[in-house]
Amino acid sequence: ILSLIDELKRDSGTAVVLITHDLGVV
């Protein structure tokens, strides 16, 4: 899921605000 969000962000230039408690994800 996170890789998909990254891919879509790269393709479209969308800005992402990611709310998380997982520093590994960060």
mmCIF file of all heavy atoms, coordinates in Angstrom:
data_MODEL
# 
_entry.id   MODEL 
# 
loop_
_atom_site.group_PDB 
_atom_site.id 
_atom_site.type_symbol 
_atom_site.label_atom_id 
_atom_site.label_alt_id 
_atom_site.label_comp_id 
_atom_site.label_asym_id 
_atom_site.label_entity_id 
_atom_site.label_seq_id 
_atom_site.pdbx_PDB_ins_code 
_atom_site.Cartn_x 
_atom_site.Cartn_y 
_atom_site.Cartn_z 
_atom_site.occupancy 
_atom_site.B_iso_or_equiv 
_atom_site.pdbx_formal_charge 
_atom_site.auth_seq_id 
_atom_site.auth_comp_id 
_atom_site.auth_asym_id 
_atom_site.auth_atom_id 
_atom_site.pdbx_PDB_model_num 
ATOM 1   N N   . ILE A 1 1  ? 0.838  -1.201 0.000   1.00 0.00 ? 1  ILE A N   1 
ATOM 2   C CA  . ILE A 1 1  ? 0.000  0.000  0.000   1.00 0.00 ? 1  ILE A CA  1 
ATOM 3   C C   . ILE A 1 1  ? 0.872  1.250  0.000   1.00 0.00 ? 1  ILE A C   1 
ATOM 4   O O   . ILE A 1 1  ? 0.639  2.207  -0.765  1.00 0.00 ? 1  ILE A O   1 
ATOM 5   C CB  . ILE A 1 1  ? -0.951 -0.004 1.213   1.00 0.00 ? 1  ILE A CB  1 
ATOM 6   C CG1 . ILE A 1 1  ? -1.969 -1.148 1.107   1.00 0.00 ? 1  ILE A CG1 1 
ATOM 7   C CG2 . ILE A 1 1  ? -1.659 1.348  1.352   1.00 0.00 ? 1  ILE A CG2 1 
ATOM 8   C CD1 . ILE A 1 1  ? -2.909 -1.047 -0.060  1.00 0.00 ? 1  ILE A CD1 1 
ATOM 9   N N   . LEU A 1 2  ? 1.891  1.284  0.853   1.00 0.00 ? 2  LEU A N   1 
ATOM 10  C CA  . LEU A 1 2  ? 2.751  2.463  0.947   1.00 0.00 ? 2  LEU A CA  1 
ATOM 11  C C   . LEU A 1 2  ? 3.566  2.655  -0.332  1.00 0.00 ? 2  LEU A C   1 
ATOM 12  O O   . LEU A 1 2  ? 3.766  3.791  -0.785  1.00 0.00 ? 2  LEU A O   1 
ATOM 13  C CB  . LEU A 1 2  ? 3.666  2.340  2.160   1.00 0.00 ? 2  LEU A CB  1 
ATOM 14  C CG  . LEU A 1 2  ? 2.933  2.442  3.503   1.00 0.00 ? 2  LEU A CG  1 
ATOM 15  C CD1 . LEU A 1 2  ? 3.829  1.966  4.642   1.00 0.00 ? 2  LEU A CD1 1 
ATOM 16  C CD2 . LEU A 1 2  ? 2.462  3.876  3.753   1.00 0.00 ? 2  LEU A CD2 1 
ATOM 17  N N   . SER A 1 3  ? 4.025  1.572  -0.925  1.00 0.00 ? 3  SER A N   1 
ATOM 18  C CA  . SER A 1 3  ? 4.748  1.674  -2.194  1.00 0.00 ? 3  SER A CA  1 
ATOM 19  C C   . SER A 1 3  ? 3.830  2.186  -3.294  1.00 0.00 ? 3  SER A C   1 
ATOM 20  O O   . SER A 1 3  ? 4.258  2.964  -4.169  1.00 0.00 ? 3  SER A O   1 
ATOM 21  C CB  . SER A 1 3  ? 5.320  0.310  -2.591  1.00 0.00 ? 3  SER A CB  1 
ATOM 22  O OG  . SER A 1 3  ? 6.314  -0.101 -1.674  1.00 0.00 ? 3  SER A OG  1 
ATOM 23  N N   . LEU A 1 4  ? 2.565  1.785  -3.247  1.00 0.00 ? 4  LEU A N   1 
ATOM 24  C CA  . LEU A 1 4  ? 1.592  2.262  -4.230  1.00 0.00 ? 4  LEU A CA  1 
ATOM 25  C C   . LEU A 1 4  ? 1.397  3.773  -4.089  1.00 0.00 ? 4  LEU A C   1 
ATOM 26  O O   . LEU A 1 4  ? 1.375  4.502  -5.093  1.00 0.00 ? 4  LEU A O   1 
ATOM 27  C CB  . LEU A 1 4  ? 0.270  1.524  -4.040  1.00 0.00 ? 4  LEU A CB  1 
ATOM 28  C CG  . LEU A 1 4  ? -0.900 1.975  -4.916  1.00 0.00 ? 4  LEU A CG  1 
ATOM 29  C CD1 . LEU A 1 4  ? -0.572 1.801  -6.391  1.00 0.00 ? 4  LEU A CD1 1 
ATOM 30  C CD2 . LEU A 1 4  ? -2.156 1.172  -4.547  1.00 0.00 ? 4  LEU A CD2 1 
ATOM 31  N N   . ILE A 1 5  ? 1.262  4.249  -2.863  1.00 0.00 ? 5  ILE A N   1 
ATOM 32  C CA  . ILE A 1 5  ? 1.113  5.695  -2.644  1.00 0.00 ? 5  ILE A CA  1 
ATOM 33  C C   . ILE A 1 5  ? 2.337  6.436  -3.168  1.00 0.00 ? 5  ILE A C   1 
ATOM 34  O O   . ILE A 1 5  ? 2.224  7.488  -3.820  1.00 0.00 ? 5  ILE A O   1 
ATOM 35  C CB  . ILE A 1 5  ? 0.870  5.988  -1.152  1.00 0.00 ? 5  ILE A CB  1 
ATOM 36  C CG1 . ILE A 1 5  ? -0.496 5.438  -0.716  1.00 0.00 ? 5  ILE A CG1 1 
ATOM 37  C CG2 . ILE A 1 5  ? 0.938  7.495  -0.877  1.00 0.00 ? 5  ILE A CG2 1 
ATOM 38  C CD1 . ILE A 1 5  ? -0.753 5.533  0.777   1.00 0.00 ? 5  ILE A CD1 1 
ATOM 39  N N   . ASP A 1 6  ? 3.535  5.908  -2.893  1.00 0.00 ? 6  ASP A N   1 
ATOM 40  C CA  . ASP A 1 6  ? 4.767  6.525  -3.392  1.00 0.00 ? 6  ASP A CA  1 
ATOM 41  C C   . ASP A 1 6  ? 4.779  6.587  -4.921  1.00 0.00 ? 6  ASP A C   1 
ATOM 42  O O   . ASP A 1 6  ? 5.152  7.608  -5.518  1.00 0.00 ? 6  ASP A O   1 
ATOM 43  C CB  . ASP A 1 6  ? 5.989  5.734  -2.912  1.00 0.00 ? 6  ASP A CB  1 
ATOM 44  C CG  . ASP A 1 6  ? 6.298  5.958  -1.448  1.00 0.00 ? 6  ASP A CG  1 
ATOM 45  O OD1 . ASP A 1 6  ? 5.752  6.913  -0.859  1.00 0.00 ? 6  ASP A OD1 1 
ATOM 46  O OD2 . ASP A 1 6  ? 7.087  5.177  -0.881  1.00 0.00 ? 6  ASP A OD2 1 
ATOM 47  N N   . GLU A 1 7  ? 4.387  5.498  -5.540  1.00 0.00 ? 7  GLU A N   1 
ATOM 48  C CA  . GLU A 1 7  ? 4.382  5.432  -7.008  1.00 0.00 ? 7  GLU A CA  1 
ATOM 49  C C   . GLU A 1 7  ? 3.413  6.440  -7.600  1.00 0.00 ? 7  GLU A C   1 
ATOM 50  O O   . GLU A 1 7  ? 3.742  7.169  -8.557  1.00 0.00 ? 7  GLU A O   1 
ATOM 51  C CB  . GLU A 1 7  ? 4.016  4.017  -7.442  1.00 0.00 ? 7  GLU A CB  1 
ATOM 52  C CG  . GLU A 1 7  ? 3.944  3.826  -8.953  1.00 0.00 ? 7  GLU A CG  1 
ATOM 53  C CD  . GLU A 1 7  ? 3.476  2.425  -9.304  1.00 0.00 ? 7  GLU A CD  1 
ATOM 54  O OE1 . GLU A 1 7  ? 3.908  1.459  -8.635  1.00 0.00 ? 7  GLU A OE1 1 
ATOM 55  O OE2 . GLU A 1 7  ? 2.672  2.295  -10.246 1.00 0.00 ? 7  GLU A OE2 1 
ATOM 56  N N   . LEU A 1 8  ? 2.216  6.516  -7.031  1.00 0.00 ? 8  LEU A N   1 
ATOM 57  C CA  . LEU A 1 8  ? 1.216  7.448  -7.537  1.00 0.00 ? 8  LEU A CA  1 
ATOM 58  C C   . LEU A 1 8  ? 1.656  8.890  -7.313  1.00 0.00 ? 8  LEU A C   1 
ATOM 59  O O   . LEU A 1 8  ? 1.409  9.768  -8.143  1.00 0.00 ? 8  LEU A O   1 
ATOM 60  C CB  . LEU A 1 8  ? -0.126 7.178  -6.848  1.00 0.00 ? 8  LEU A CB  1 
ATOM 61  C CG  . LEU A 1 8  ? -0.716 5.789  -7.110  1.00 0.00 ? 8  LEU A CG  1 
ATOM 62  C CD1 . LEU A 1 8  ? -1.942 5.559  -6.237  1.00 0.00 ? 8  LEU A CD1 1 
ATOM 63  C CD2 . LEU A 1 8  ? -1.072 5.618  -8.577  1.00 0.00 ? 8  LEU A CD2 1 
ATOM 64  N N   . LYS A 1 9  ? 2.336  9.141  -6.196  1.00 0.00 ? 9  LYS A N   1 
ATOM 65  C CA  . LYS A 1 9  ? 2.854  10.484 -5.923  1.00 0.00 ? 9  LYS A CA  1 
ATOM 66  C C   . LYS A 1 9  ? 3.892  10.880 -6.972  1.00 0.00 ? 9  LYS A C   1 
ATOM 67  O O   . LYS A 1 9  ? 3.871  11.996 -7.500  1.00 0.00 ? 9  LYS A O   1 
ATOM 68  C CB  . LYS A 1 9  ? 3.467  10.521 -4.524  1.00 0.00 ? 9  LYS A CB  1 
ATOM 69  C CG  . LYS A 1 9  ? 4.078  11.865 -4.145  1.00 0.00 ? 9  LYS A CG  1 
ATOM 70  C CD  . LYS A 1 9  ? 4.854  11.763 -2.853  1.00 0.00 ? 9  LYS A CD  1 
ATOM 71  C CE  . LYS A 1 9  ? 6.153  10.996 -3.062  1.00 0.00 ? 9  LYS A CE  1 
ATOM 72  N NZ  . LYS A 1 9  ? 7.043  11.080 -1.878  1.00 0.00 ? 9  LYS A NZ  1 
ATOM 73  N N   . ARG A 1 10 ? 4.789  9.962  -7.289  1.00 0.00 ? 10 ARG A N   1 
ATOM 74  C CA  . ARG A 1 10 ? 5.815  10.249 -8.296  1.00 0.00 ? 10 ARG A CA  1 
ATOM 75  C C   . ARG A 1 10 ? 5.193  10.496 -9.662  1.00 0.00 ? 10 ARG A C   1 
ATOM 76  O O   . ARG A 1 10 ? 5.618  11.370 -10.414 1.00 0.00 ? 10 ARG A O   1 
ATOM 77  C CB  . ARG A 1 10 ? 6.808  9.093  -8.384  1.00 0.00 ? 10 ARG A CB  1 
ATOM 78  C CG  . ARG A 1 10 ? 7.751  8.990  -7.200  1.00 0.00 ? 10 ARG A CG  1 
ATOM 79  C CD  . ARG A 1 10 ? 8.886  8.018  -7.502  1.00 0.00 ? 10 ARG A CD  1 
ATOM 80  N NE  . ARG A 1 10 ? 8.400  6.680  -7.819  1.00 0.00 ? 10 ARG A NE  1 
ATOM 81  C CZ  . ARG A 1 10 ? 8.220  5.724  -6.918  1.00 0.00 ? 10 ARG A CZ  1 
ATOM 82  N NH1 . ARG A 1 10 ? 8.472  5.971  -5.632  1.00 0.00 ? 10 ARG A NH1 1 
ATOM 83  N NH2 . ARG A 1 10 ? 7.786  4.521  -7.278  1.00 0.00 ? 10 ARG A NH2 1 
ATOM 84  N N   . ASP A 1 11 ? 4.166  9.715  -10.011 1.00 0.00 ? 11 ASP A N   1 
ATOM 85  C CA  . ASP A 1 11 ? 3.559  9.823  -11.333 1.00 0.00 ? 11 ASP A CA  1 
ATOM 86  C C   . ASP A 1 11 ? 2.773  11.118 -11.499 1.00 0.00 ? 11 ASP A C   1 
ATOM 87  O O   . ASP A 1 11 ? 2.754  11.703 -12.589 1.00 0.00 ? 11 ASP A O   1 
ATOM 88  C CB  . ASP A 1 11 ? 2.624  8.632  -11.588 1.00 0.00 ? 11 ASP A CB  1 
ATOM 89  C CG  . ASP A 1 11 ? 3.387  7.328  -11.739 1.00 0.00 ? 11 ASP A CG  1 
ATOM 90  O OD1 . ASP A 1 11 ? 4.624  7.381  -11.920 1.00 0.00 ? 11 ASP A OD1 1 
ATOM 91  O OD2 . ASP A 1 11 ? 2.753  6.258  -11.662 1.00 0.00 ? 11 ASP A OD2 1 
ATOM 92  N N   . SER A 1 12 ? 2.097  11.556 -10.428 1.00 0.00 ? 12 SER A N   1 
ATOM 93  C CA  . SER A 1 12 ? 1.166  12.689 -10.552 1.00 0.00 ? 12 SER A CA  1 
ATOM 94  C C   . SER A 1 12 ? 1.644  13.968 -9.877  1.00 0.00 ? 12 SER A C   1 
ATOM 95  O O   . SER A 1 12 ? 1.030  15.026 -10.063 1.00 0.00 ? 12 SER A O   1 
ATOM 96  C CB  . SER A 1 12 ? -0.200 12.296 -9.969  1.00 0.00 ? 12 SER A CB  1 
ATOM 97  O OG  . SER A 1 12 ? -0.067 11.968 -8.586  1.00 0.00 ? 12 SER A OG  1 
ATOM 98  N N   . GLY A 1 13 ? 2.716  13.889 -9.070  1.00 0.00 ? 13 GLY A N   1 
ATOM 99  C CA  . GLY A 1 13 ? 3.189  15.079 -8.366  1.00 0.00 ? 13 GLY A CA  1 
ATOM 100 C C   . GLY A 1 13 ? 2.316  15.482 -7.193  1.00 0.00 ? 13 GLY A C   1 
ATOM 101 O O   . GLY A 1 13 ? 2.415  16.601 -6.686  1.00 0.00 ? 13 GLY A O   1 
ATOM 102 N N   . THR A 1 14 ? 1.457  14.583 -6.737  1.00 0.00 ? 14 THR A N   1 
ATOM 103 C CA  . THR A 1 14 ? 0.583  14.875 -5.605  1.00 0.00 ? 14 THR A CA  1 
ATOM 104 C C   . THR A 1 14 ? 1.397  15.064 -4.325  1.00 0.00 ? 14 THR A C   1 
ATOM 105 O O   . THR A 1 14 ? 2.360  14.344 -4.090  1.00 0.00 ? 14 THR A O   1 
ATOM 106 C CB  . THR A 1 14 ? -0.419 13.724 -5.404  1.00 0.00 ? 14 THR A CB  1 
ATOM 107 O OG1 . THR A 1 14 ? -1.180 13.566 -6.599  1.00 0.00 ? 14 THR A OG1 1 
ATOM 108 C CG2 . THR A 1 14 ? -1.360 13.994 -4.234  1.00 0.00 ? 14 THR A CG2 1 
ATOM 109 N N   . ALA A 1 15 ? 1.020  16.037 -3.509  1.00 0.00 ? 15 ALA A N   1 
ATOM 110 C CA  . ALA A 1 15 ? 1.617  16.197 -2.186  1.00 0.00 ? 15 ALA A CA  1 
ATOM 111 C C   . ALA A 1 15 ? 0.909  15.251 -1.224  1.00 0.00 ? 15 ALA A C   1 
ATOM 112 O O   . ALA A 1 15 ? -0.316 15.101 -1.283  1.00 0.00 ? 15 ALA A O   1 
ATOM 113 C CB  . ALA A 1 15 ? 1.471  17.640 -1.706  1.00 0.00 ? 15 ALA A CB  1 
ATOM 114 N N   . VAL A 1 16 ? 1.668  14.624 -0.333  1.00 0.00 ? 16 VAL A N   1 
ATOM 115 C CA  . VAL A 1 16 ? 1.112  13.644 0.595   1.00 0.00 ? 16 VAL A CA  1 
ATOM 116 C C   . VAL A 1 16 ? 1.376  14.080 2.029   1.00 0.00 ? 16 VAL A C   1 
ATOM 117 O O   . VAL A 1 16 ? 2.511  14.422 2.382   1.00 0.00 ? 16 VAL A O   1 
ATOM 118 C CB  . VAL A 1 16 ? 1.715  12.240 0.363   1.00 0.00 ? 16 VAL A CB  1 
ATOM 119 C CG1 . VAL A 1 16 ? 1.176  11.239 1.394   1.00 0.00 ? 16 VAL A CG1 1 
ATOM 120 C CG2 . VAL A 1 16 ? 1.426  11.747 -1.051  1.00 0.00 ? 16 VAL A CG2 1 
ATOM 121 N N   . VAL A 1 17 ? 0.319  14.072 2.838   1.00 0.00 ? 17 VAL A N   1 
ATOM 122 C CA  . VAL A 1 17 ? 0.444  14.244 4.288   1.00 0.00 ? 17 VAL A CA  1 
ATOM 123 C C   . VAL A 1 17 ? 0.164  12.882 4.896   1.00 0.00 ? 17 VAL A C   1 
ATOM 124 O O   . VAL A 1 17 ? -0.962 12.382 4.830   1.00 0.00 ? 17 VAL A O   1 
ATOM 125 C CB  . VAL A 1 17 ? -0.537 15.297 4.829   1.00 0.00 ? 17 VAL A CB  1 
ATOM 126 C CG1 . VAL A 1 17 ? -0.394 15.421 6.349   1.00 0.00 ? 17 VAL A CG1 1 
ATOM 127 C CG2 . VAL A 1 17 ? -0.299 16.646 4.167   1.00 0.00 ? 17 VAL A CG2 1 
ATOM 128 N N   . LEU A 1 18 ? 1.187  12.268 5.464   1.00 0.00 ? 18 LEU A N   1 
ATOM 129 C CA  . LEU A 1 18 ? 1.092  10.907 5.992   1.00 0.00 ? 18 LEU A CA  1 
ATOM 130 C C   . LEU A 1 18 ? 1.039  10.941 7.513   1.00 0.00 ? 18 LEU A C   1 
ATOM 131 O O   . LEU A 1 18 ? 1.999  11.346 8.162   1.00 0.00 ? 18 LEU A O   1 
ATOM 132 C CB  . LEU A 1 18 ? 2.298  10.091 5.521   1.00 0.00 ? 18 LEU A CB  1 
ATOM 133 C CG  . LEU A 1 18 ? 2.438  8.660  6.053   1.00 0.00 ? 18 LEU A CG  1 
ATOM 134 C CD1 . LEU A 1 18 ? 1.256  7.809  5.603   1.00 0.00 ? 18 LEU A CD1 1 
ATOM 135 C CD2 . LEU A 1 18 ? 3.751  8.045  5.590   1.00 0.00 ? 18 LEU A CD2 1 
ATOM 136 N N   . ILE A 1 19 ? -0.089 10.533 8.080   1.00 0.00 ? 19 ILE A N   1 
ATOM 137 C CA  . ILE A 1 19 ? -0.252 10.472 9.523   1.00 0.00 ? 19 ILE A CA  1 
ATOM 138 C C   . ILE A 1 19 ? 0.117  9.067  9.976   1.00 0.00 ? 19 ILE A C   1 
ATOM 139 O O   . ILE A 1 19 ? -0.450 8.082  9.489   1.00 0.00 ? 19 ILE A O   1 
ATOM 140 C CB  . ILE A 1 19 ? -1.714 10.776 9.943   1.00 0.00 ? 19 ILE A CB  1 
ATOM 141 C CG1 . ILE A 1 19 ? -2.217 12.064 9.283   1.00 0.00 ? 19 ILE A CG1 1 
ATOM 142 C CG2 . ILE A 1 19 ? -1.822 10.849 11.462  1.00 0.00 ? 19 ILE A CG2 1 
ATOM 143 C CD1 . ILE A 1 19 ? -1.498 13.305 9.681   1.00 0.00 ? 19 ILE A CD1 1 
ATOM 144 N N   . THR A 1 20 ? 1.062  8.948  10.893  1.00 0.00 ? 20 THR A N   1 
ATOM 145 C CA  . THR A 1 20 ? 1.493  7.615  11.316  1.00 0.00 ? 20 THR A CA  1 
ATOM 146 C C   . THR A 1 20 ? 2.161  7.687  12.679  1.00 0.00 ? 20 THR A C   1 
ATOM 147 O O   . THR A 1 20 ? 2.564  8.761  13.129  1.00 0.00 ? 20 THR A O   1 
ATOM 148 C CB  . THR A 1 20 ? 2.471  6.999  10.287  1.00 0.00 ? 20 THR A CB  1 
ATOM 149 O OG1 . THR A 1 20 ? 2.807  5.664  10.668  1.00 0.00 ? 20 THR A OG1 1 
ATOM 150 C CG2 . THR A 1 20 ? 3.747  7.826  10.176  1.00 0.00 ? 20 THR A CG2 1 
ATOM 151 N N   . HIS A 1 21 ? 2.253  6.538  13.330  1.00 0.00 ? 21 HIS A N   1 
ATOM 152 C CA  . HIS A 1 21 ? 3.046  6.420  14.561  1.00 0.00 ? 21 HIS A CA  1 
ATOM 153 C C   . HIS A 1 21 ? 4.246  5.508  14.333  1.00 0.00 ? 21 HIS A C   1 
ATOM 154 O O   . HIS A 1 21 ? 5.035  5.277  15.236  1.00 0.00 ? 21 HIS A O   1 
ATOM 155 C CB  . HIS A 1 21 ? 2.176  5.844  15.694  1.00 0.00 ? 21 HIS A CB  1 
ATOM 156 C CG  . HIS A 1 21 ? 1.721  4.446  15.410  1.00 0.00 ? 21 HIS A CG  1 
ATOM 157 N ND1 . HIS A 1 21 ? 0.592  4.177  14.681  1.00 0.00 ? 21 HIS A ND1 1 
ATOM 158 C CD2 . HIS A 1 21 ? 2.263  3.244  15.721  1.00 0.00 ? 21 HIS A CD2 1 
ATOM 159 C CE1 . HIS A 1 21 ? 0.445  2.863  14.564  1.00 0.00 ? 21 HIS A CE1 1 
ATOM 160 N NE2 . HIS A 1 21 ? 1.444  2.271  15.182  1.00 0.00 ? 21 HIS A NE2 1 
ATOM 161 N N   . ASP A 1 22 ? 4.386  5.007  13.102  1.00 0.00 ? 22 ASP A N   1 
ATOM 162 C CA  . ASP A 1 22 ? 5.400  4.007  12.781  1.00 0.00 ? 22 ASP A CA  1 
ATOM 163 C C   . ASP A 1 22 ? 6.625  4.688  12.174  1.00 0.00 ? 22 ASP A C   1 
ATOM 164 O O   . ASP A 1 22 ? 6.596  5.140  11.019  1.00 0.00 ? 22 ASP A O   1 
ATOM 165 C CB  . ASP A 1 22 ? 4.810  2.991  11.801  1.00 0.00 ? 22 ASP A CB  1 
ATOM 166 C CG  . ASP A 1 22 ? 5.719  1.792  11.572  1.00 0.00 ? 22 ASP A CG  1 
ATOM 167 O OD1 . ASP A 1 22 ? 6.955  1.944  11.706  1.00 0.00 ? 22 ASP A OD1 1 
ATOM 168 O OD2 . ASP A 1 22 ? 5.193  0.706  11.256  1.00 0.00 ? 22 ASP A OD2 1 
ATOM 169 N N   . LEU A 1 23 ? 7.711  4.757  12.939  1.00 0.00 ? 23 LEU A N   1 
ATOM 170 C CA  . LEU A 1 23 ? 8.910  5.422  12.448  1.00 0.00 ? 23 LEU A CA  1 
ATOM 171 C C   . LEU A 1 23 ? 9.603  4.634  11.352  1.00 0.00 ? 23 LEU A C   1 
ATOM 172 O O   . LEU A 1 23 ? 10.361 5.196  10.564  1.00 0.00 ? 23 LEU A O   1 
ATOM 173 C CB  . LEU A 1 23 ? 9.875  5.686  13.609  1.00 0.00 ? 23 LEU A CB  1 
ATOM 174 C CG  . LEU A 1 23 ? 9.388  6.707  14.637  1.00 0.00 ? 23 LEU A CG  1 
ATOM 175 C CD1 . LEU A 1 23 ? 10.398 6.861  15.757  1.00 0.00 ? 23 LEU A CD1 1 
ATOM 176 C CD2 . LEU A 1 23 ? 9.121  8.049  13.980  1.00 0.00 ? 23 LEU A CD2 1 
ATOM 177 N N   . GLY A 1 24 ? 9.356  3.334  11.278  1.00 0.00 ? 24 GLY A N   1 
ATOM 178 C CA  . GLY A 1 24 ? 9.866  2.547  10.167  1.00 0.00 ? 24 GLY A CA  1 
ATOM 179 C C   . GLY A 1 24 ? 9.242  3.005  8.853   1.00 0.00 ? 24 GLY A C   1 
ATOM 180 O O   . GLY A 1 24 ? 9.925  3.135  7.829   1.00 0.00 ? 24 GLY A O   1 
ATOM 181 N N   . VAL A 1 25 ? 7.936  3.259  8.877   1.00 0.00 ? 25 VAL A N   1 
ATOM 182 C CA  . VAL A 1 25 ? 7.238  3.792  7.704   1.00 0.00 ? 25 VAL A CA  1 
ATOM 183 C C   . VAL A 1 25 ? 7.793  5.159  7.341   1.00 0.00 ? 25 VAL A C   1 
ATOM 184 O O   . VAL A 1 25 ? 8.032  5.475  6.169   1.00 0.00 ? 25 VAL A O   1 
ATOM 185 C CB  . VAL A 1 25 ? 5.721  3.863  7.979   1.00 0.00 ? 25 VAL A CB  1 
ATOM 186 C CG1 . VAL A 1 25 ? 5.015  4.691  6.915   1.00 0.00 ? 25 VAL A CG1 1 
ATOM 187 C CG2 . VAL A 1 25 ? 5.129  2.462  8.049   1.00 0.00 ? 25 VAL A CG2 1 
ATOM 188 N N   . VAL A 1 26 ? 8.018  5.985  8.350   1.00 0.00 ? 26 VAL A N   1 
ATOM 189 C CA  . VAL A 1 26 ? 8.552  7.329  8.126   1.00 0.00 ? 26 VAL A CA  1 
ATOM 190 C C   . VAL A 1 26 ? 9.904  7.249  7.426   1.00 0.00 ? 26 VAL A C   1 
ATOM 191 O O   . VAL A 1 26 ? 10.164 7.970  6.451   1.00 0.00 ? 26 VAL A O   1 
ATOM 192 C CB  . VAL A 1 26 ? 8.685  8.076  9.466   1.00 0.00 ? 26 VAL A CB  1 
ATOM 193 C CG1 . VAL A 1 26 ? 9.475  9.375  9.295   1.00 0.00 ? 26 VAL A CG1 1 
ATOM 194 C CG2 . VAL A 1 26 ? 7.307  8.368  10.049  1.00 0.00 ? 26 VAL A CG2 1 
# 
